[in-house]
Amino acid sequence: MSILKEFKEFAVKGNMMDMAIGIIIGASFNKVIDILVKKVLMPPLSLMSGSIDFEDKRFVLQESIFDSSGVVVQEEIAIGYGLLLEALTDFLIIGFTVFIVVKAMNRLRKRADDTKDDAVETPKNIQLLSHLTELLEEQNELLRSSTSNDK
């Protein structure tokens, strides 16, 4: 099978489209979370901590070195922990949001798989398996009662 044909089958099956849609939504979601953290959550946090701007917080390992005319000869060497705090906040918000979405999806999937719940339409394959299970249980009950009567 040629690579082009395999790629065509992969793309047609929907895997590639699902992946592309997920990436696009994820990138957009990342922008929203970035703005939420930088423009909504960090300013009140900065205000509560005495007007500290977390984006500029860093540990300076070596100060900038200037020549006699004031031109920077060597840049400052610093660890920017403020940006790390923002990134961790982004991560926590994204992680919590994904957790809530997955939890809601699992709840909906459970309801769809429950054959006794009429609020959500059960997929046909689950309905068939449920009926098959019920028939097997009835058959087993009949077999048990017939063997107990024979004794």
Protein backbone atom coordinates (compact mmCIF):
# COMPACT_ATOMS: atom_id res chain seq x y z
CA MET A 1 0.00 0.00 0.00
CA SER A 2 1.45 3.36 -0.94
CA ILE A 3 2.09 6.07 1.60
CA LEU A 4 -0.26 8.44 -0.23
CA LYS A 5 -3.09 5.90 -0.09
CA GLU A 6 -2.47 5.27 3.63
CA PHE A 7 -2.47 9.01 4.31
CA LYS A 8 -5.72 9.41 2.37
CA GLU A 9 -7.36 6.66 4.44
CA PHE A 10 -6.07 8.25 7.65
CA ALA A 11 -7.42 11.66 6.65
CA VAL A 12 -10.78 10.32 5.48
CA LYS A 13 -11.40 8.32 8.65
CA GLY A 14 -11.60 11.57 10.58
CA ASN A 15 -8.59 11.08 12.82
CA MET A 16 -6.73 13.90 11.18
CA MET A 17 -9.73 16.23 11.22
CA ASP A 18 -10.41 15.49 14.89
CA MET A 19 -6.77 16.16 15.68
CA ALA A 20 -6.75 19.42 13.68
CA ILE A 21 -9.92 20.65 15.35
CA GLY A 22 -8.50 19.80 18.78
CA ILE A 23 -5.27 21.66 18.06
CA ILE A 24 -7.10 24.75 16.76
CA ILE A 25 -9.46 24.85 19.74
CA GLY A 26 -6.54 24.22 22.10
CA ALA A 27 -4.55 27.12 20.64
CA SER A 28 -7.54 29.45 20.95
CA PHE A 29 -8.22 28.22 24.47
CA ASN A 30 -4.58 28.89 25.36
CA LYS A 31 -4.96 32.54 24.28
CA VAL A 32 -8.08 32.93 26.42
CA ILE A 33 -6.37 31.41 29.47
CA ASP A 34 -3.25 33.54 28.90
CA ILE A 35 -5.34 36.73 28.92
CA LEU A 36 -7.39 35.48 31.87
CA VAL A 37 -4.24 34.95 33.91
CA LYS A 38 -2.31 38.06 32.83
CA LYS A 39 -5.16 40.58 32.71
CA VAL A 40 -7.75 39.24 35.17
CA LEU A 41 -6.10 37.10 37.88
CA MET A 42 -2.61 38.56 38.21
CA PRO A 43 -3.58 42.26 38.69
CA PRO A 44 -5.68 41.58 41.85
CA LEU A 45 -2.98 39.20 43.10
CA SER A 46 -0.41 41.92 42.48
CA LEU A 47 -2.58 44.45 44.31
CA MET A 48 -3.01 42.12 47.31
CA SER A 49 0.74 41.54 47.47
CA GLY A 50 1.64 45.23 47.52
CA SER A 51 1.57 46.10 43.79
CA ILE A 52 4.14 43.48 42.85
CA ASP A 53 4.23 42.82 39.10
CA PHE A 54 4.86 39.09 38.91
CA GLU A 55 5.91 39.22 35.25
CA ASP A 56 9.00 41.23 36.18
CA LYS A 57 9.94 39.18 39.27
CA ARG A 58 13.34 37.49 38.93
CA PHE A 59 16.45 36.50 40.82
CA VAL A 60 19.40 38.44 39.45
CA LEU A 61 22.48 36.26 39.30
CA GLN A 62 24.69 38.86 37.69
CA GLU A 63 23.93 42.54 37.12
CA SER A 64 24.34 44.13 33.72
CA ILE A 65 27.82 45.46 33.02
CA PHE A 66 28.07 48.91 31.39
CA ASP A 67 31.03 50.64 29.80
CA SER A 68 32.05 54.24 30.60
CA SER A 69 29.56 55.66 28.07
CA GLY A 70 26.60 53.73 29.57
CA VAL A 71 26.30 51.09 26.84
CA VAL A 72 25.56 47.57 28.02
CA VAL A 73 28.65 45.38 27.61
CA GLN A 74 27.12 42.26 29.16
CA GLU A 75 23.40 41.63 29.68
CA GLU A 76 21.95 40.86 33.07
CA ILE A 77 21.76 37.17 33.96
CA ALA A 78 18.58 36.40 35.91
CA ILE A 79 16.08 33.64 36.69
CA GLY A 80 12.58 34.86 35.81
CA TYR A 81 10.42 33.14 38.40
CA GLY A 82 7.51 35.57 37.87
CA LEU A 83 6.90 34.18 34.39
CA LEU A 84 7.06 30.68 35.88
CA LEU A 85 4.33 31.64 38.37
CA GLU A 86 2.16 32.86 35.50
CA ALA A 87 2.81 29.71 33.49
CA LEU A 88 1.94 27.53 36.49
CA THR A 89 -1.29 29.47 36.98
CA ASP A 90 -2.08 28.96 33.28
CA PHE A 91 -1.39 25.24 33.66
CA LEU A 92 -3.60 24.91 36.74
CA ILE A 93 -6.52 26.71 35.09
CA ILE A 94 -6.20 24.66 31.89
CA GLY A 95 -5.84 21.42 33.84
CA PHE A 96 -8.88 22.16 36.00
CA THR A 97 -10.95 23.15 32.96
CA VAL A 98 -9.99 19.98 31.09
CA PHE A 99 -10.83 17.94 34.22
CA ILE A 100 -14.31 19.51 34.39
CA VAL A 101 -14.94 18.93 30.66
CA VAL A 102 -13.79 15.28 30.84
CA LYS A 103 -15.89 14.73 33.96
CA ALA A 104 -18.97 16.12 32.18
CA MET A 105 -18.28 13.99 29.10
CA ASN A 106 -17.89 10.85 31.24
CA ARG A 107 -21.17 11.61 32.99
CA LEU A 108 -22.93 12.00 29.63
CA ARG A 109 -21.31 8.80 28.34
CA LYS A 110 -22.48 6.89 31.44
CA ARG A 111 -26.01 8.17 30.96
CA ALA A 112 -25.92 7.18 27.29
CA ASP A 113 -24.66 3.70 28.18
CA ASP A 114 -27.38 3.20 30.84
CA THR A 115 -30.16 1.30 29.06
CA LYS A 116 -32.66 2.01 31.83
CA ASP A 117 -32.28 5.80 31.57
CA ASP A 118 -34.82 7.10 29.04
CA ALA A 119 -33.61 10.74 29.23
CA VAL A 120 -30.72 10.05 26.86
CA GLU A 121 -31.01 7.83 23.80
CA THR A 122 -28.92 4.72 24.22
CA PRO A 123 -26.74 3.77 21.23
CA LYS A 124 -28.00 0.76 19.28
CA ASN A 125 -24.98 -1.41 20.06
CA ILE A 126 -25.46 -0.86 23.80
CA GLN A 127 -29.18 -1.63 23.49
CA LEU A 128 -28.47 -4.88 21.67
CA LEU A 129 -25.87 -5.93 24.23
CA SER A 130 -28.27 -5.11 27.05
CA HIS A 131 -31.02 -7.23 25.48
CA LEU A 132 -28.55 -10.05 24.92
CA THR A 133 -27.46 -9.88 28.56
CA GLU A 134 -31.09 -9.98 29.72
CA LEU A 135 -31.80 -13.02 27.52
CA LEU A 136 -28.71 -14.82 28.85
CA GLU A 137 -29.77 -14.12 32.42
CA GLU A 138 -33.26 -15.51 31.69
CA GLN A 139 -31.74 -18.59 30.06
CA ASN A 140 -29.42 -19.16 33.03
CA GLU A 141 -32.34 -18.82 35.43
CA LEU A 142 -34.34 -21.37 33.44
CA LEU A 143 -31.39 -23.76 33.40
CA ARG A 144 -30.91 -23.37 37.16
CA SER A 145 -34.58 -24.02 37.89
CA SER A 146 -34.69 -27.06 35.58
CA THR A 147 -31.58 -28.62 37.17
CA SER A 148 -32.92 -28.01 40.67
CA ASN A 149 -36.26 -29.66 39.70
CA ASP A 150 -34.44 -32.72 38.32
CA LYS A 151 -32.70 -33.37 41.60
